[in-house]
Amino acid sequence: ISKSLISPITTLYSLIAWLMIIFLAISIRKKTPV
């Protein structure tokens, strides 16, 4: 169970990964919306 964003640290890593994926998907949506 994640008690905070850094406990365990994988919570923060996962959040950063999700934000990067979301940013990439939005950025290239017109070129490739899949």
PDB file of all heavy atoms in Angstrom:
ATOM      1  N   ILE A   1       0.851  -1.196   0.000  1.00  0.00           N
ATOM      2  CA  ILE A   1       0.000   0.000   0.000  1.00  0.00           C
ATOM      3  C   ILE A   1       0.881   1.239   0.000  1.00  0.00           C
ATOM      4  O   ILE A   1       1.841   1.339   0.783  1.00  0.00           O
ATOM      5  CB  ILE A   1      -0.926   0.005   1.227  1.00  0.00           C
ATOM      6  CG1 ILE A   1      -1.894  -1.177   1.162  1.00  0.00           C
ATOM      7  CG2 ILE A   1      -1.709   1.318   1.316  1.00  0.00           C
ATOM      8  CD1 ILE A   1      -2.745  -1.338   2.407  1.00  0.00           C
ATOM      9  N   SER A   2       0.586   2.182  -0.862  1.00  0.00           N
ATOM     10  CA  SER A   2       1.349   3.435  -0.940  1.00  0.00           C
ATOM     11  C   SER A   2       0.853   4.406   0.125  1.00  0.00           C
ATOM     12  O   SER A   2      -0.296   4.846   0.080  1.00  0.00           O
ATOM     13  CB  SER A   2       1.202   4.056  -2.325  1.00  0.00           C
ATOM     14  OG  SER A   2       1.732   3.213  -3.320  1.00  0.00           O
ATOM     15  N   LYS A   3       1.718   4.722   1.064  1.00  0.00           N
ATOM     16  CA  LYS A   3       1.361   5.670   2.124  1.00  0.00           C
ATOM     17  C   LYS A   3       1.527   7.114   1.672  1.00  0.00           C
ATOM     18  O   LYS A   3       0.889   8.028   2.207  1.00  0.00           O
ATOM     19  CB  LYS A   3       2.220   5.419   3.368  1.00  0.00           C
ATOM     20  CG  LYS A   3       2.081   4.016   3.946  1.00  0.00           C
ATOM     21  CD  LYS A   3       0.655   3.763   4.415  1.00  0.00           C
ATOM     22  CE  LYS A   3       0.505   2.365   5.032  1.00  0.00           C
ATOM     23  NZ  LYS A   3      -0.874   2.115   5.511  1.00  0.00           N
ATOM     24  N   SER A   4       2.386   7.315   0.677  1.00  0.00           N
ATOM     25  CA  SER A   4       2.601   8.639   0.087  1.00  0.00           C
ATOM     26  C   SER A   4       3.272   8.448  -1.265  1.00  0.00           C
ATOM     27  O   SER A   4       3.532   7.310  -1.687  1.00  0.00           O
ATOM     28  CB  SER A   4       3.474   9.508   1.000  1.00  0.00           C
ATOM     29  OG  SER A   4       4.792   8.999   1.032  1.00  0.00           O
ATOM     30  N   LEU A   5       3.605   9.537  -1.936  1.00  0.00           N
ATOM     31  CA  LEU A   5       4.247   9.430  -3.243  1.00  0.00           C
ATOM     32  C   LEU A   5       5.648   8.847  -3.166  1.00  0.00           C
ATOM     33  O   LEU A   5       6.185   8.346  -4.165  1.00  0.00           O
ATOM     34  CB  LEU A   5       4.297  10.799  -3.923  1.00  0.00           C
ATOM     35  CG  LEU A   5       2.987  11.313  -4.534  1.00  0.00           C
ATOM     36  CD1 LEU A   5       3.176  12.699  -5.126  1.00  0.00           C
ATOM     37  CD2 LEU A   5       2.469  10.351  -5.603  1.00  0.00           C
ATOM     38  N   ILE A   6       6.278   8.909  -1.991  1.00  0.00           N
ATOM     39  CA  ILE A   6       7.646   8.389  -1.867  1.00  0.00           C
ATOM     40  C   ILE A   6       7.729   7.177  -0.938  1.00  0.00           C
ATOM     41  O   ILE A   6       8.822   6.730  -0.598  1.00  0.00           O
ATOM     42  CB  ILE A   6       8.610   9.491  -1.372  1.00  0.00           C
ATOM     43  CG1 ILE A   6       8.134  10.068  -0.035  1.00  0.00           C
ATOM     44  CG2 ILE A   6       8.751  10.589  -2.410  1.00  0.00           C
ATOM     45  CD1 ILE A   6       9.138  11.029   0.588  1.00  0.00           C
ATOM     46  N   SER A   7       6.580   6.665  -0.531  1.00  0.00           N
ATOM     47  CA  SER A   7       6.572   5.494   0.346  1.00  0.00           C
ATOM     48  C   SER A   7       5.533   4.478  -0.133  1.00  0.00           C
ATOM     49  O   SER A   7       4.365   4.559   0.252  1.00  0.00           O
ATOM     50  CB  SER A   7       6.278   5.904   1.792  1.00  0.00           C
ATOM     51  OG  SER A   7       6.214   4.778   2.639  1.00  0.00           O
ATOM     52  N   PRO A   8       5.928   3.545  -1.021  1.00  0.00           N
ATOM     53  CA  PRO A   8       7.277   3.328  -1.569  1.00  0.00           C
ATOM     54  C   PRO A   8       7.575   4.288  -2.718  1.00  0.00           C
ATOM     55  O   PRO A   8       6.659   4.883  -3.291  1.00  0.00           O
ATOM     56  CB  PRO A   8       7.213   1.884  -2.055  1.00  0.00           C
ATOM     57  CG  PRO A   8       5.787   1.705  -2.448  1.00  0.00           C
ATOM     58  CD  PRO A   8       4.986   2.499  -1.465  1.00  0.00           C
ATOM     59  N   ILE A   9       8.839   4.397  -3.091  1.00  0.00           N
ATOM     60  CA  ILE A   9       9.264   5.325  -4.135  1.00  0.00           C
ATOM     61  C   ILE A   9       8.699   4.944  -5.505  1.00  0.00           C
ATOM     62  O   ILE A   9       8.607   5.789  -6.409  1.00  0.00           O
ATOM     63  CB  ILE A   9      10.814   5.400  -4.186  1.00  0.00           C
ATOM     64  CG1 ILE A   9      11.281   6.606  -5.014  1.00  0.00           C
ATOM     65  CG2 ILE A   9      11.383   4.084  -4.699  1.00  0.00           C
ATOM     66  CD1 ILE A   9      10.869   7.946  -4.448  1.00  0.00           C
ATOM     67  N   THR A  10       8.308   3.678  -5.677  1.00  0.00           N
ATOM     68  CA  THR A  10       7.727   3.251  -6.952  1.00  0.00           C
ATOM     69  C   THR A  10       6.441   4.024  -7.277  1.00  0.00           C
ATOM     70  O   THR A  10       6.056   4.115  -8.446  1.00  0.00           O
ATOM     71  CB  THR A  10       7.417   1.745  -6.930  1.00  0.00           C
ATOM     72  OG1 THR A  10       6.675   1.432  -5.748  1.00  0.00           O
ATOM     73  CG2 THR A  10       8.685   0.918  -6.962  1.00  0.00           C
ATOM     74  N   THR A  11       5.795   4.572  -6.251  1.00  0.00           N
ATOM     75  CA  THR A  11       4.591   5.384  -6.488  1.00  0.00           C
ATOM     76  C   THR A  11       4.941   6.624  -7.297  1.00  0.00           C
ATOM     77  O   THR A  11       4.260   6.951  -8.275  1.00  0.00           O
ATOM     78  CB  THR A  11       3.945   5.801  -5.152  1.00  0.00           C
ATOM     79  OG1 THR A  11       3.829   4.667  -4.293  1.00  0.00           O
ATOM     80  CG2 THR A  11       2.579   6.418  -5.375  1.00  0.00           C
ATOM     81  N   LEU A  12       6.007   7.300  -6.909  1.00  0.00           N
ATOM     82  CA  LEU A  12       6.448   8.492  -7.636  1.00  0.00           C
ATOM     83  C   LEU A  12       6.911   8.134  -9.036  1.00  0.00           C
ATOM     84  O   LEU A  12       6.576   8.822 -10.010  1.00  0.00           O
ATOM     85  CB  LEU A  12       7.574   9.192  -6.866  1.00  0.00           C
ATOM     86  CG  LEU A  12       8.135  10.475  -7.505  1.00  0.00           C
ATOM     87  CD1 LEU A  12       7.040  11.535  -7.652  1.00  0.00           C
ATOM     88  CD2 LEU A  12       9.302  11.010  -6.684  1.00  0.00           C
ATOM     89  N   TYR A  13       7.683   7.050  -9.151  1.00  0.00           N
ATOM     90  CA  TYR A  13       8.153   6.622 -10.473  1.00  0.00           C
ATOM     91  C   TYR A  13       6.966   6.309 -11.396  1.00  0.00           C
ATOM     92  O   TYR A  13       6.971   6.666 -12.580  1.00  0.00           O
ATOM     93  CB  TYR A  13       9.047   5.385 -10.347  1.00  0.00           C
ATOM     94  CG  TYR A  13      10.339   5.610  -9.619  1.00  0.00           C
ATOM     95  CD1 TYR A  13      11.001   4.546  -8.983  1.00  0.00           C
ATOM     96  CD2 TYR A  13      10.920   6.878  -9.555  1.00  0.00           C
ATOM     97  CE1 TYR A  13      12.196   4.745  -8.312  1.00  0.00           C
ATOM     98  CE2 TYR A  13      12.114   7.081  -8.878  1.00  0.00           C
ATOM     99  CZ  TYR A  13      12.743   6.018  -8.254  1.00  0.00           C
ATOM    100  OH  TYR A  13      13.933   6.211  -7.589  1.00  0.00           O
ATOM    101  N   SER A  14       5.967   5.635 -10.862  1.00  0.00           N
ATOM    102  CA  SER A  14       4.793   5.281 -11.662  1.00  0.00           C
ATOM    103  C   SER A  14       4.034   6.520 -12.096  1.00  0.00           C
ATOM    104  O   SER A  14       3.577   6.615 -13.246  1.00  0.00           O
ATOM    105  CB  SER A  14       3.867   4.348 -10.865  1.00  0.00           C
ATOM    106  OG  SER A  14       4.512   3.140 -10.548  1.00  0.00           O
ATOM    107  N   LEU A  15       3.888   7.490 -11.187  1.00  0.00           N
ATOM    108  CA  LEU A  15       3.193   8.731 -11.526  1.00  0.00           C
ATOM    109  C   LEU A  15       3.926   9.473 -12.638  1.00  0.00           C
ATOM    110  O   LEU A  15       3.302   9.954 -13.599  1.00  0.00           O
ATOM    111  CB  LEU A  15       3.070   9.619 -10.283  1.00  0.00           C
ATOM    112  CG  LEU A  15       2.409  10.984 -10.495  1.00  0.00           C
ATOM    113  CD1 LEU A  15       0.969  10.829 -10.989  1.00  0.00           C
ATOM    114  CD2 LEU A  15       2.446  11.815  -9.214  1.00  0.00           C
ATOM    115  N   ILE A  16       5.248   9.561 -12.536  1.00  0.00           N
ATOM    116  CA  ILE A  16       6.050  10.238 -13.571  1.00  0.00           C
ATOM    117  C   ILE A  16       5.895   9.511 -14.909  1.00  0.00           C
ATOM    118  O   ILE A  16       5.729  10.148 -15.960  1.00  0.00           O
ATOM    119  CB  ILE A  16       7.532  10.302 -13.149  1.00  0.00           C
ATOM    120  CG1 ILE A  16       7.693  11.235 -11.939  1.00  0.00           C
ATOM    121  CG2 ILE A  16       8.404  10.778 -14.310  1.00  0.00           C
ATOM    122  CD1 ILE A  16       9.090  11.214 -11.331  1.00  0.00           C
ATOM    123  N   ALA A  17       5.928   8.187 -14.863  1.00  0.00           N
ATOM    124  CA  ALA A  17       5.774   7.397 -16.099  1.00  0.00           C
ATOM    125  C   ALA A  17       4.413   7.651 -16.736  1.00  0.00           C
ATOM    126  O   ALA A  17       4.321   7.833 -17.960  1.00  0.00           O
ATOM    127  CB  ALA A  17       5.958   5.914 -15.794  1.00  0.00           C
ATOM    128  N   TRP A  18       3.348   7.687 -15.919  1.00  0.00           N
ATOM    129  CA  TRP A  18       2.009   7.945 -16.457  1.00  0.00           C
ATOM    130  C   TRP A  18       1.925   9.339 -17.074  1.00  0.00           C
ATOM    131  O   TRP A  18       1.345   9.512 -18.156  1.00  0.00           O
ATOM    132  CB  TRP A  18       0.951   7.799 -15.363  1.00  0.00           C
ATOM    133  CG  TRP A  18       0.515   6.393 -15.122  1.00  0.00           C
ATOM    134  CD1 TRP A  18       0.597   5.685 -13.965  1.00  0.00           C
ATOM    135  CD2 TRP A  18      -0.060   5.504 -16.087  1.00  0.00           C
ATOM    136  NE1 TRP A  18       0.116   4.417 -14.139  1.00  0.00           N
ATOM    137  CE2 TRP A  18      -0.306   4.277 -15.426  1.00  0.00           C
ATOM    138  CE3 TRP A  18      -0.401   5.617 -17.426  1.00  0.00           C
ATOM    139  CZ2 TRP A  18      -0.873   3.179 -16.073  1.00  0.00           C
ATOM    140  CZ3 TRP A  18      -0.949   4.520 -18.087  1.00  0.00           C
ATOM    141  CH2 TRP A  18      -1.186   3.327 -17.415  1.00  0.00           C
ATOM    142  N   LEU A  19       2.494  10.332 -16.414  1.00  0.00           N
ATOM    143  CA  LEU A  19       2.453  11.704 -16.937  1.00  0.00           C
ATOM    144  C   LEU A  19       3.199  11.800 -18.261  1.00  0.00           C
ATOM    145  O   LEU A  19       2.762  12.485 -19.194  1.00  0.00           O
ATOM    146  CB  LEU A  19       3.040  12.679 -15.915  1.00  0.00           C
ATOM    147  CG  LEU A  19       2.215  12.875 -14.630  1.00  0.00           C
ATOM    148  CD1 LEU A  19       2.958  13.765 -13.646  1.00  0.00           C
ATOM    149  CD2 LEU A  19       0.845  13.464 -14.956  1.00  0.00           C
ATOM    150  N   MET A  20       4.314  11.094 -18.376  1.00  0.00           N
ATOM    151  CA  MET A  20       5.088  11.099 -19.626  1.00  0.00           C
ATOM    152  C   MET A  20       4.305  10.426 -20.750  1.00  0.00           C
ATOM    153  O   MET A  20       4.268  10.920 -21.888  1.00  0.00           O
ATOM    154  CB  MET A  20       6.434  10.398 -19.410  1.00  0.00           C
ATOM    155  CG  MET A  20       7.399  11.162 -18.518  1.00  0.00           C
ATOM    156  SD  MET A  20       8.906  10.221 -18.149  1.00  0.00           S
ATOM    157  CE  MET A  20       9.620  10.051 -19.785  1.00  0.00           C
ATOM    158  N   ILE A  21       3.668   9.293 -20.454  1.00  0.00           N
ATOM    159  CA  ILE A  21       2.878   8.589 -21.472  1.00  0.00           C
ATOM    160  C   ILE A  21       1.703   9.441 -21.929  1.00  0.00           C
ATOM    161  O   ILE A  21       1.415   9.542 -23.128  1.00  0.00           O
ATOM    162  CB  ILE A  21       2.379   7.229 -20.920  1.00  0.00           C
ATOM    163  CG1 ILE A  21       3.557   6.292 -20.659  1.00  0.00           C
ATOM    164  CG2 ILE A  21       1.402   6.580 -21.908  1.00  0.00           C
ATOM    165  CD1 ILE A  21       3.183   5.032 -19.901  1.00  0.00           C
ATOM    166  N   ILE A  22       1.019  10.078 -20.968  1.00  0.00           N
ATOM    167  CA  ILE A  22      -0.127  10.929 -21.305  1.00  0.00           C
ATOM    168  C   ILE A  22       0.318  12.115 -22.155  1.00  0.00           C
ATOM    169  O   ILE A  22      -0.323  12.454 -23.167  1.00  0.00           O
ATOM    170  CB  ILE A  22      -0.829  11.414 -20.017  1.00  0.00           C
ATOM    171  CG1 ILE A  22      -1.504  10.232 -19.310  1.00  0.00           C
ATOM    172  CG2 ILE A  22      -1.857  12.498 -20.327  1.00  0.00           C
ATOM    173  CD1 ILE A  22      -1.996  10.554 -17.914  1.00  0.00           C
ATOM    174  N   PHE A  23       1.433  12.744 -21.781  1.00  0.00           N
ATOM    175  CA  PHE A  23       1.954  13.886 -22.547  1.00  0.00           C
ATOM    176  C   PHE A  23       2.313  13.473 -23.972  1.00  0.00           C
ATOM    177  O   PHE A  23       1.981  14.166 -24.937  1.00  0.00           O
ATOM    178  CB  PHE A  23       3.183  14.468 -21.836  1.00  0.00           C
ATOM    179  CG  PHE A  23       3.840  15.580 -22.600  1.00  0.00           C
ATOM    180  CD1 PHE A  23       3.292  16.857 -22.600  1.00  0.00           C
ATOM    181  CD2 PHE A  23       5.001  15.359 -23.339  1.00  0.00           C
ATOM    182  CE1 PHE A  23       3.891  17.896 -23.316  1.00  0.00           C
ATOM    183  CE2 PHE A  23       5.601  16.373 -24.054  1.00  0.00           C
ATOM    184  CZ  PHE A  23       5.040  17.651 -24.039  1.00  0.00           C
ATOM    185  N   LEU A  24       2.964  12.316 -24.109  1.00  0.00           N
ATOM    186  CA  LEU A  24       3.340  11.821 -25.442  1.00  0.00           C
ATOM    187  C   LEU A  24       2.104  11.532 -26.281  1.00  0.00           C
ATOM    188  O   LEU A  24       2.038  11.923 -27.459  1.00  0.00           O
ATOM    189  CB  LEU A  24       4.178  10.554 -25.299  1.00  0.00           C
ATOM    190  CG  LEU A  24       4.554   9.838 -26.605  1.00  0.00           C
ATOM    191  CD1 LEU A  24       5.454  10.736 -27.464  1.00  0.00           C
ATOM    192  CD2 LEU A  24       5.250   8.508 -26.310  1.00  0.00           C
ATOM    193  N   ALA A  25       1.115  10.865 -25.678  1.00  0.00           N
ATOM    194  CA  ALA A  25      -0.088  10.505 -26.422  1.00  0.00           C
ATOM    195  C   ALA A  25      -0.838  11.739 -26.919  1.00  0.00           C
ATOM    196  O   ALA A  25      -1.335  11.766 -28.052  1.00  0.00           O
ATOM    197  CB  ALA A  25      -1.006   9.657 -25.545  1.00  0.00           C
ATOM    198  N   ILE A  26      -0.912  12.768 -26.084  1.00  0.00           N
ATOM    199  CA  ILE A  26      -1.595  14.014 -26.473  1.00  0.00           C
ATOM    200  C   ILE A  26      -0.787  14.749 -27.534  1.00  0.00           C
ATOM    201  O   ILE A  26      -1.352  15.305 -28.494  1.00  0.00           O
ATOM    202  CB  ILE A  26      -1.846  14.900 -25.244  1.00  0.00           C
ATOM    203  CG1 ILE A  26      -2.849  14.217 -24.302  1.00  0.00           C
ATOM    204  CG2 ILE A  26      -2.364  16.276 -25.653  1.00  0.00           C
ATOM    205  CD1 ILE A  26      -3.054  14.938 -22.988  1.00  0.00           C
ATOM    206  N   SER A  27       0.532  14.736 -27.393  1.00  0.00           N
ATOM    207  CA  SER A  27       1.402  15.488 -28.316  1.00  0.00           C
ATOM    208  C   SER A  27       1.335  14.957 -29.749  1.00  0.00           C
ATOM    209  O   SER A  27       1.391  15.733 -30.706  1.00  0.00           O
ATOM    210  CB  SER A  27       2.854  15.442 -27.826  1.00  0.00           C
ATOM    211  OG  SER A  27       2.965  16.029 -26.550  1.00  0.00           O
ATOM    212  N   ILE A  28       1.205  13.638 -29.902  1.00  0.00           N
ATOM    213  CA  ILE A  28       1.246  13.052 -31.248  1.00  0.00           C
ATOM    214  C   ILE A  28      -0.133  12.607 -31.728  1.00  0.00           C
ATOM    215  O   ILE A  28      -0.236  11.868 -32.712  1.00  0.00           O
ATOM    216  CB  ILE A  28       2.227  11.861 -31.291  1.00  0.00           C
ATOM    217  CG1 ILE A  28       1.744  10.718 -30.390  1.00  0.00           C
ATOM    218  CG2 ILE A  28       3.623  12.306 -30.899  1.00  0.00           C
ATOM    219  CD1 ILE A  28       2.592   9.460 -30.503  1.00  0.00           C
ATOM    220  N   ARG A  29      -1.188  13.080 -31.059  1.00  0.00           N
ATOM    221  CA  ARG A  29      -2.534  12.576 -31.373  1.00  0.00           C
ATOM    222  C   ARG A  29      -2.961  12.871 -32.805  1.00  0.00           C
ATOM    223  O   ARG A  29      -3.677  12.067 -33.412  1.00  0.00           O
ATOM    224  CB  ARG A  29      -3.554  13.146 -30.392  1.00  0.00           C
ATOM    225  CG  ARG A  29      -3.820  14.633 -30.538  1.00  0.00           C
ATOM    226  CD  ARG A  29      -4.687  15.159 -29.427  1.00  0.00           C
ATOM    227  NE  ARG A  29      -5.050  16.555 -29.622  1.00  0.00           N
ATOM    228  CZ  ARG A  29      -4.263  17.579 -29.358  1.00  0.00           C
ATOM    229  NH1 ARG A  29      -3.032  17.359 -28.896  1.00  0.00           N
ATOM    230  NH2 ARG A  29      -4.669  18.822 -29.558  1.00  0.00           N
ATOM    231  N   LYS A  30      -2.526  14.009 -33.368  1.00  0.00           N
ATOM    232  CA  LYS A  30      -2.945  14.347 -34.731  1.00  0.00           C
ATOM    233  C   LYS A  30      -2.197  13.503 -35.761  1.00  0.00           C
ATOM    234  O   LYS A  30      -2.755  13.139 -36.795  1.00  0.00           O
ATOM    235  CB  LYS A  30      -2.735  15.835 -35.003  1.00  0.00           C
ATOM    236  CG  LYS A  30      -3.682  16.724 -34.196  1.00  0.00           C
ATOM    237  CD  LYS A  30      -3.508  18.188 -34.547  1.00  0.00           C
ATOM    238  CE  LYS A  30      -4.480  19.052 -33.758  1.00  0.00           C
ATOM    239  NZ  LYS A  30      -4.321  20.495 -34.051  1.00  0.00           N
ATOM    240  N   LYS A  31      -0.953  13.192 -35.449  1.00  0.00           N
ATOM    241  CA  LYS A  31      -0.154  12.379 -36.358  1.00  0.00           C
ATOM    242  C   LYS A  31      -0.565  10.913 -36.268  1.00  0.00           C
ATOM    243  O   LYS A  31      -0.683  10.221 -37.284  1.00  0.00           O
ATOM    244  CB  LYS A  31       1.327  12.542 -36.032  1.00  0.00           C
ATOM    245  CG  LYS A  31       2.246  11.787 -36.982  1.00  0.00           C
ATOM    246  CD  LYS A  31       3.705  12.019 -36.635  1.00  0.00           C
ATOM    247  CE  LYS A  31       4.616  11.268 -37.590  1.00  0.00           C
ATOM    248  NZ  LYS A  31       6.055  11.466 -37.237  1.00  0.00           N
ATOM    249  N   THR A  32      -0.790  10.438 -35.052  1.00  0.00           N
ATOM    250  CA  THR A  32      -1.195   9.044 -34.837  1.00  0.00           C
ATOM    251  C   THR A  32      -2.045   8.964 -33.565  1.00  0.00           C
ATOM    252  O   THR A  32      -1.495   8.870 -32.461  1.00  0.00           O
ATOM    253  CB  THR A  32       0.030   8.101 -34.749  1.00  0.00           C
ATOM    254  OG1 THR A  32      -0.413   6.798 -34.355  1.00  0.00           O
ATOM    255  CG2 THR A  32       1.075   8.610 -33.793  1.00  0.00           C
ATOM    256  N   PRO A  33      -3.351   9.020 -33.708  1.00  0.00           N
ATOM    257  CA  PRO A  33      -4.241   9.036 -32.539  1.00  0.00           C
ATOM    258  C   PRO A  33      -4.423   7.690 -31.855  1.00  0.00           C
ATOM    259  O   PRO A  33      -5.092   7.609 -30.832  1.00  0.00           O
ATOM    260  CB  PRO A  33      -5.569   9.513 -33.134  1.00  0.00           C
ATOM    261  CG  PRO A  33      -5.536   9.068 -34.555  1.00  0.00           C
ATOM    262  CD  PRO A  33      -4.099   9.166 -34.970  1.00  0.00           C
ATOM    263  N   VAL A  34      -3.831   6.624 -32.408  1.00  0.00           N
ATOM    264  CA  VAL A  34      -4.038   5.285 -31.848  1.00  0.00           C
ATOM    265  C   VAL A  34      -3.492   5.189 -30.423  1.00  0.00           C
ATOM    266  O   VAL A  34      -4.096   4.545 -29.561  1.00  0.00           O
ATOM    267  CB  VAL A  34      -3.399   4.215 -32.754  1.00  0.00           C
ATOM    268  CG1 VAL A  34      -3.468   2.833 -32.100  1.00  0.00           C
ATOM    269  CG2 VAL A  34      -4.100   4.193 -34.104  1.00  0.00           C
TER     270      VAL A  34
END
